[in-house]
Amino acid sequence: MLMTLQINQQQICLALNNPLRCWIIELLQSHSALSSTDLASLLHISLGKCHYHLDNLDGLIKQDNEKRYFLTEEGKRAFQLLIKL
């Protein structure tokens, strides 16, 4: 359990350490689910750059059957921490 908690804290710290990843978390919280193309468009970044940041959010986000991203429970917890900053 402690190992899982440490990994989750590391994932959250990594996510909150970059403004684009914070914006992705905020967008997914407000839109429920978005495709990588939609996220890249909303963030005004390339699709490749978007995928890089999505890869760094592993554990905080997942994809549904339509390949749209959404927040996991850990991602929702990261959002709660983000709004407290």
Protein backbone atom coordinates (compact mmCIF):
# COMPACT_ATOMS: atom_id res chain seq x y z
CA MET A 1 0.00 0.00 0.00
CA LEU A 2 2.80 2.43 0.87
CA MET A 3 4.53 1.71 -2.45
CA THR A 4 1.27 2.43 -4.34
CA LEU A 5 0.79 5.65 -2.39
CA GLN A 6 4.33 6.79 -3.23
CA ILE A 7 3.83 6.03 -6.93
CA ASN A 8 0.54 7.93 -6.95
CA GLN A 9 2.14 10.92 -5.24
CA GLN A 10 4.97 10.85 -7.78
CA GLN A 11 2.48 10.75 -10.67
CA ILE A 12 0.55 13.66 -9.23
CA CYS A 13 3.72 15.68 -8.64
CA LEU A 14 4.87 15.02 -12.21
CA ALA A 15 1.47 16.09 -13.54
CA LEU A 16 1.29 19.27 -11.51
CA ASN A 17 4.88 20.17 -12.35
CA ASN A 18 3.96 21.21 -15.90
CA PRO A 19 1.39 23.83 -16.93
CA LEU A 20 0.23 21.88 -19.99
CA ARG A 21 -0.42 18.77 -17.92
CA CYS A 22 -2.34 20.90 -15.41
CA TRP A 23 -4.45 22.30 -18.24
CA ILE A 24 -5.10 18.79 -19.57
CA ILE A 25 -6.33 17.73 -16.13
CA GLU A 26 -8.53 20.83 -15.90
CA LEU A 27 -9.96 20.28 -19.39
CA LEU A 28 -10.74 16.64 -18.71
CA GLN A 29 -12.41 17.59 -15.44
CA SER A 30 -14.62 20.14 -17.16
CA HIS A 31 -15.37 18.13 -20.35
CA SER A 32 -15.49 14.60 -18.86
CA ALA A 33 -13.78 13.05 -21.91
CA LEU A 34 -11.84 14.45 -24.88
CA SER A 35 -9.85 13.00 -27.76
CA SER A 36 -6.19 13.81 -28.12
CA THR A 37 -7.04 15.85 -31.22
CA ASP A 38 -9.56 17.90 -29.24
CA LEU A 39 -7.06 18.42 -26.42
CA ALA A 40 -4.31 19.49 -28.82
CA SER A 41 -6.69 21.95 -30.47
CA LEU A 42 -7.89 23.42 -27.16
CA LEU A 43 -4.29 23.75 -25.93
CA HIS A 44 -3.00 25.11 -29.26
CA ILE A 45 -0.19 22.54 -29.40
CA SER A 46 0.83 19.84 -31.86
CA LEU A 47 -0.68 16.39 -31.58
CA GLY A 48 2.78 14.95 -30.91
CA LYS A 49 3.36 17.33 -28.00
CA CYS A 50 -0.10 16.51 -26.68
CA HIS A 51 0.63 12.77 -26.77
CA TYR A 52 3.91 13.35 -24.93
CA HIS A 53 2.07 15.02 -22.08
CA LEU A 54 -0.74 12.46 -22.11
CA ASP A 55 1.88 9.71 -21.76
CA ASN A 56 3.21 11.53 -18.70
CA LEU A 57 -0.24 11.42 -17.13
CA ASP A 58 -0.36 7.62 -17.08
CA GLY A 59 -2.37 6.49 -14.08
CA LEU A 60 -4.18 9.82 -13.84
CA ILE A 61 -6.00 9.41 -17.16
CA LYS A 62 -7.35 6.52 -19.20
CA GLN A 63 -9.01 6.08 -22.57
CA ASP A 64 -12.55 4.91 -23.21
CA ASN A 65 -13.66 2.68 -26.12
CA GLU A 66 -13.83 5.71 -28.39
CA LYS A 67 -10.18 6.60 -27.59
CA ARG A 68 -11.24 9.67 -25.60
CA TYR A 69 -9.29 10.49 -22.45
CA PHE A 70 -10.89 10.85 -19.04
CA LEU A 71 -9.66 11.28 -15.46
CA THR A 72 -9.19 8.26 -13.22
CA GLU A 73 -9.92 8.52 -9.50
CA GLU A 74 -6.26 9.49 -9.03
CA GLY A 75 -6.66 12.09 -11.76
CA LYS A 76 -9.65 13.54 -9.95
CA ARG A 77 -7.56 13.65 -6.80
CA ALA A 78 -4.84 15.50 -8.73
CA PHE A 79 -7.47 18.00 -9.89
CA GLN A 80 -8.55 18.59 -6.29
CA LEU A 81 -4.94 19.29 -5.35
CA LEU A 82 -4.58 21.58 -8.33
CA ILE A 83 -7.51 23.78 -7.35
CA LYS A 84 -6.03 24.14 -3.86
CA LEU A 85 -2.75 25.56 -5.25
